[in-house]
Amino acid sequence: MLIRLRFLGLAACAILAGLVLRLVPWGLPLTAHHVGGGLLWGAMLYGLVAAGRPPGWSRTAAVAVAIVVGCGIELLRLHRDPALDAFRATLAGQLLLGRLFSPWNMLTYAAGILAAAVATRRMTWTAHRGRRSVARQDG
């Protein structure tokens, strides 16, 4: 359960950082906002998928599912529907779905997902290692 909470914490931190990047007028070029937002969105997506993954799923499976979901959401931008377009016009819609399709977004999502997986590797390995150490001491 602690591991799942850590992954949810990762997702929450990525959301907070993304909101700060998006809403604070940093004076950064538009490219920095797009790339930074894509990396953070990918990290958030990985955190959510890893937190909700079924028992027995590997980290690789969580990465693959997060990439497929991220690419699927990006491809959804190609679909036009009045209700969906109305949602996309809101701030929540822009942050969650985006407005315009870009294949580069899929690349930044994948990079954010992979970076989050690498960053959390030690965190989860340490937690599992600690559990094994306790089991050996008890045994």
C-alpha atoms as a PDB file:
ATOM      1  CA  MET A   1       0.000   0.000   0.000  1.00  0.00           C
ATOM      2  CA  LEU A   2       2.873   2.375   0.782  1.00  0.00           C
ATOM      3  CA  ILE A   3       4.251   1.962  -2.748  1.00  0.00           C
ATOM      4  CA  ARG A   4       0.886   2.907  -4.257  1.00  0.00           C
ATOM      5  CA  LEU A   5       0.759   6.021  -2.074  1.00  0.00           C
ATOM      6  CA  ARG A   6       4.236   6.968  -3.249  1.00  0.00           C
ATOM      7  CA  PHE A   7       3.136   6.689  -6.866  1.00  0.00           C
ATOM      8  CA  LEU A   8       0.071   8.814  -6.118  1.00  0.00           C
ATOM      9  CA  GLY A   9       2.421  11.317  -4.484  1.00  0.00           C
ATOM     10  CA  LEU A  10       4.482  11.373  -7.673  1.00  0.00           C
ATOM     11  CA  ALA A  11       1.343  12.065  -9.688  1.00  0.00           C
ATOM     12  CA  ALA A  12       0.293  14.841  -7.291  1.00  0.00           C
ATOM     13  CA  CYS A  13       3.740  16.466  -7.474  1.00  0.00           C
ATOM     14  CA  ALA A  14       3.681  16.301 -11.276  1.00  0.00           C
ATOM     15  CA  ILE A  15       0.214  17.894 -11.317  1.00  0.00           C
ATOM     16  CA  LEU A  16       1.322  20.671  -8.977  1.00  0.00           C
ATOM     17  CA  ALA A  17       4.495  21.329 -10.981  1.00  0.00           C
ATOM     18  CA  GLY A  18       2.478  21.338 -14.206  1.00  0.00           C
ATOM     19  CA  LEU A  19       0.006  23.862 -12.807  1.00  0.00           C
ATOM     20  CA  VAL A  20       2.847  26.087 -11.628  1.00  0.00           C
ATOM     21  CA  LEU A  21       4.498  25.844 -15.045  1.00  0.00           C
ATOM     22  CA  ARG A  22       1.242  26.618 -16.801  1.00  0.00           C
ATOM     23  CA  LEU A  23      -0.298  29.293 -14.590  1.00  0.00           C
ATOM     24  CA  VAL A  24       2.702  31.307 -13.353  1.00  0.00           C
ATOM     25  CA  PRO A  25       3.968  33.844 -15.919  1.00  0.00           C
ATOM     26  CA  TRP A  26       7.602  32.710 -16.085  1.00  0.00           C
ATOM     27  CA  GLY A  27       8.363  34.445 -19.366  1.00  0.00           C
ATOM     28  CA  LEU A  28       9.583  31.155 -20.828  1.00  0.00           C
ATOM     29  CA  PRO A  29       9.311  30.419 -24.538  1.00  0.00           C
ATOM     30  CA  LEU A  30       6.202  28.531 -25.621  1.00  0.00           C
ATOM     31  CA  THR A  31       8.357  25.500 -26.462  1.00  0.00           C
ATOM     32  CA  ALA A  32       9.529  25.270 -22.848  1.00  0.00           C
ATOM     33  CA  HIS A  33       5.916  25.243 -21.675  1.00  0.00           C
ATOM     34  CA  HIS A  34       4.943  22.556 -24.190  1.00  0.00           C
ATOM     35  CA  VAL A  35       7.913  20.281 -23.559  1.00  0.00           C
ATOM     36  CA  GLY A  36       7.881  20.799 -19.792  1.00  0.00           C
ATOM     37  CA  GLY A  37       4.141  20.236 -19.656  1.00  0.00           C
ATOM     38  CA  GLY A  38       4.423  17.071 -21.745  1.00  0.00           C
ATOM     39  CA  LEU A  39       7.182  15.670 -19.543  1.00  0.00           C
ATOM     40  CA  LEU A  40       5.202  16.412 -16.391  1.00  0.00           C
ATOM     41  CA  TRP A  41       1.988  15.057 -17.904  1.00  0.00           C
ATOM     42  CA  GLY A  42       3.798  11.826 -18.783  1.00  0.00           C
ATOM     43  CA  ALA A  43       5.217  11.563 -15.252  1.00  0.00           C
ATOM     44  CA  MET A  44       1.733  12.116 -13.820  1.00  0.00           C
ATOM     45  CA  LEU A  45       0.285   9.457 -16.086  1.00  0.00           C
ATOM     46  CA  TYR A  46       2.970   6.964 -15.059  1.00  0.00           C
ATOM     47  CA  GLY A  47       2.312   7.708 -11.383  1.00  0.00           C
ATOM     48  CA  LEU A  48      -1.408   7.071 -11.801  1.00  0.00           C
ATOM     49  CA  VAL A  49      -0.934   3.865 -13.810  1.00  0.00           C
ATOM     50  CA  ALA A  50       1.737   2.551 -11.417  1.00  0.00           C
ATOM     51  CA  ALA A  51      -0.464   3.339  -8.399  1.00  0.00           C
ATOM     52  CA  GLY A  52      -3.427   1.507  -9.903  1.00  0.00           C
ATOM     53  CA  ARG A  53      -1.615  -1.409 -11.487  1.00  0.00           C
ATOM     54  CA  PRO A  54      -2.833  -4.879 -10.552  1.00  0.00           C
ATOM     55  CA  PRO A  55      -0.611  -7.055  -8.356  1.00  0.00           C
ATOM     56  CA  GLY A  56       1.983  -8.871 -10.397  1.00  0.00           C
ATOM     57  CA  TRP A  57       2.357  -6.193 -13.044  1.00  0.00           C
ATOM     58  CA  SER A  58       5.941  -5.286 -13.700  1.00  0.00           C
ATOM     59  CA  ARG A  59       7.308  -1.773 -13.989  1.00  0.00           C
ATOM     60  CA  THR A  60       7.715  -2.426 -17.723  1.00  0.00           C
ATOM     61  CA  ALA A  61       4.001  -3.215 -18.032  1.00  0.00           C
ATOM     62  CA  ALA A  62       3.118   0.011 -16.211  1.00  0.00           C
ATOM     63  CA  VAL A  63       5.400   1.984 -18.555  1.00  0.00           C
ATOM     64  CA  ALA A  64       3.848   0.327 -21.618  1.00  0.00           C
ATOM     65  CA  VAL A  65       0.274   0.957 -20.451  1.00  0.00           C
ATOM     66  CA  ALA A  66       1.068   4.580 -19.577  1.00  0.00           C
ATOM     67  CA  ILE A  67       2.588   5.146 -23.035  1.00  0.00           C
ATOM     68  CA  VAL A  68      -0.407   3.542 -24.771  1.00  0.00           C
ATOM     69  CA  VAL A  69      -2.848   5.635 -22.708  1.00  0.00           C
ATOM     70  CA  GLY A  70      -0.854   8.814 -23.356  1.00  0.00           C
ATOM     71  CA  CYS A  71      -0.726   8.165 -27.101  1.00  0.00           C
ATOM     72  CA  GLY A  72      -4.425   7.285 -27.096  1.00  0.00           C
ATOM     73  CA  ILE A  73      -5.321  10.563 -25.425  1.00  0.00           C
ATOM     74  CA  GLU A  74      -3.149  12.443 -27.913  1.00  0.00           C
ATOM     75  CA  LEU A  75      -4.843  10.652 -30.820  1.00  0.00           C
ATOM     76  CA  LEU A  76      -8.210  11.591 -29.296  1.00  0.00           C
ATOM     77  CA  ARG A  77      -7.355  15.181 -30.218  1.00  0.00           C
ATOM     78  CA  LEU A  78      -7.927  14.226 -33.851  1.00  0.00           C
ATOM     79  CA  HIS A  79     -11.571  13.433 -33.061  1.00  0.00           C
ATOM     80  CA  ARG A  80     -13.932  16.400 -33.247  1.00  0.00           C
ATOM     81  CA  ASP A  81     -17.190  16.472 -31.344  1.00  0.00           C
ATOM     82  CA  PRO A  82     -19.052  19.596 -30.161  1.00  0.00           C
ATOM     83  CA  ALA A  83     -19.260  18.453 -26.531  1.00  0.00           C
ATOM     84  CA  LEU A  84     -15.615  17.367 -26.484  1.00  0.00           C
ATOM     85  CA  ASP A  85     -14.529  20.613 -28.151  1.00  0.00           C
ATOM     86  CA  ALA A  86     -16.498  22.613 -25.566  1.00  0.00           C
ATOM     87  CA  PHE A  87     -14.651  20.759 -22.792  1.00  0.00           C
ATOM     88  CA  ARG A  88     -11.317  21.326 -24.541  1.00  0.00           C
ATOM     89  CA  ALA A  89     -12.033  25.083 -24.495  1.00  0.00           C
ATOM     90  CA  THR A  90     -11.991  25.082 -20.665  1.00  0.00           C
ATOM     91  CA  LEU A  91      -8.790  25.217 -18.601  1.00  0.00           C
ATOM     92  CA  ALA A  92      -9.445  21.689 -17.299  1.00  0.00           C
ATOM     93  CA  GLY A  93      -9.940  20.448 -20.857  1.00  0.00           C
ATOM     94  CA  GLN A  94      -6.746  22.120 -22.025  1.00  0.00           C
ATOM     95  CA  LEU A  95      -4.766  20.600 -19.149  1.00  0.00           C
ATOM     96  CA  LEU A  96      -6.245  17.104 -19.388  1.00  0.00           C
ATOM     97  CA  LEU A  97      -6.824  16.618 -23.115  1.00  0.00           C
ATOM     98  CA  GLY A  98      -5.181  19.510 -24.894  1.00  0.00           C
ATOM     99  CA  ARG A  99      -6.576  21.147 -27.974  1.00  0.00           C
ATOM    100  CA  LEU A 100      -4.305  20.384 -30.922  1.00  0.00           C
ATOM    101  CA  PHE A 101      -2.747  17.122 -32.062  1.00  0.00           C
ATOM    102  CA  SER A 102       1.038  16.970 -32.195  1.00  0.00           C
ATOM    103  CA  PRO A 103       3.099  13.812 -32.673  1.00  0.00           C
ATOM    104  CA  TRP A 104       5.853  15.531 -30.667  1.00  0.00           C
ATOM    105  CA  ASN A 105       3.589  15.379 -27.628  1.00  0.00           C
ATOM    106  CA  MET A 106       3.672  11.586 -27.745  1.00  0.00           C
ATOM    107  CA  LEU A 107       7.461  11.744 -27.633  1.00  0.00           C
ATOM    108  CA  THR A 108       7.490  14.089 -24.633  1.00  0.00           C
ATOM    109  CA  TYR A 109       4.876  11.973 -22.838  1.00  0.00           C
ATOM    110  CA  ALA A 110       7.006   8.860 -23.371  1.00  0.00           C
ATOM    111  CA  ALA A 111      10.113  10.696 -22.139  1.00  0.00           C
ATOM    112  CA  GLY A 112       8.257  11.853 -19.017  1.00  0.00           C
ATOM    113  CA  ILE A 113       6.941   8.344 -18.397  1.00  0.00           C
ATOM    114  CA  LEU A 114      10.397   6.803 -18.764  1.00  0.00           C
ATOM    115  CA  ALA A 115      11.997   9.489 -16.580  1.00  0.00           C
ATOM    116  CA  ALA A 116       9.409   8.870 -13.856  1.00  0.00           C
ATOM    117  CA  ALA A 117       9.941   5.108 -14.081  1.00  0.00           C
ATOM    118  CA  VAL A 118      13.702   5.533 -13.723  1.00  0.00           C
ATOM    119  CA  ALA A 119      13.311   8.062 -10.896  1.00  0.00           C
ATOM    120  CA  THR A 120      10.993   5.772  -8.934  1.00  0.00           C
ATOM    121  CA  ARG A 121      13.042   2.649  -9.550  1.00  0.00           C
ATOM    122  CA  ARG A 122      15.277   3.246  -6.557  1.00  0.00           C
ATOM    123  CA  MET A 123      12.348   4.332  -4.400  1.00  0.00           C
ATOM    124  CA  THR A 124      10.443   1.104  -4.992  1.00  0.00           C
ATOM    125  CA  TRP A 125      13.552  -1.092  -4.977  1.00  0.00           C
ATOM    126  CA  THR A 126      14.536   0.281  -1.570  1.00  0.00           C
ATOM    127  CA  ALA A 127      11.058  -0.350  -0.212  1.00  0.00           C
ATOM    128  CA  HIS A 128      11.043  -3.951  -1.492  1.00  0.00           C
ATOM    129  CA  ARG A 129      14.588  -4.528  -0.261  1.00  0.00           C
ATOM    130  CA  GLY A 130      13.628  -3.268   3.195  1.00  0.00           C
ATOM    131  CA  ARG A 131      10.695  -5.665   3.300  1.00  0.00           C
ATOM    132  CA  ARG A 132      12.947  -8.611   2.372  1.00  0.00           C
ATOM    133  CA  SER A 133      15.430  -7.603   5.065  1.00  0.00           C
ATOM    134  CA  VAL A 134      12.667  -7.552   7.680  1.00  0.00           C
ATOM    135  CA  ALA A 135      11.418 -10.948   6.485  1.00  0.00           C
ATOM    136  CA  ARG A 136      14.918 -12.429   6.830  1.00  0.00           C
ATOM    137  CA  GLN A 137      15.275 -11.069  10.361  1.00  0.00           C
ATOM    138  CA  ASP A 138      11.908 -12.484  11.363  1.00  0.00           C
ATOM    139  CA  GLY A 139      12.563 -15.827   9.690  1.00  0.00           C
END
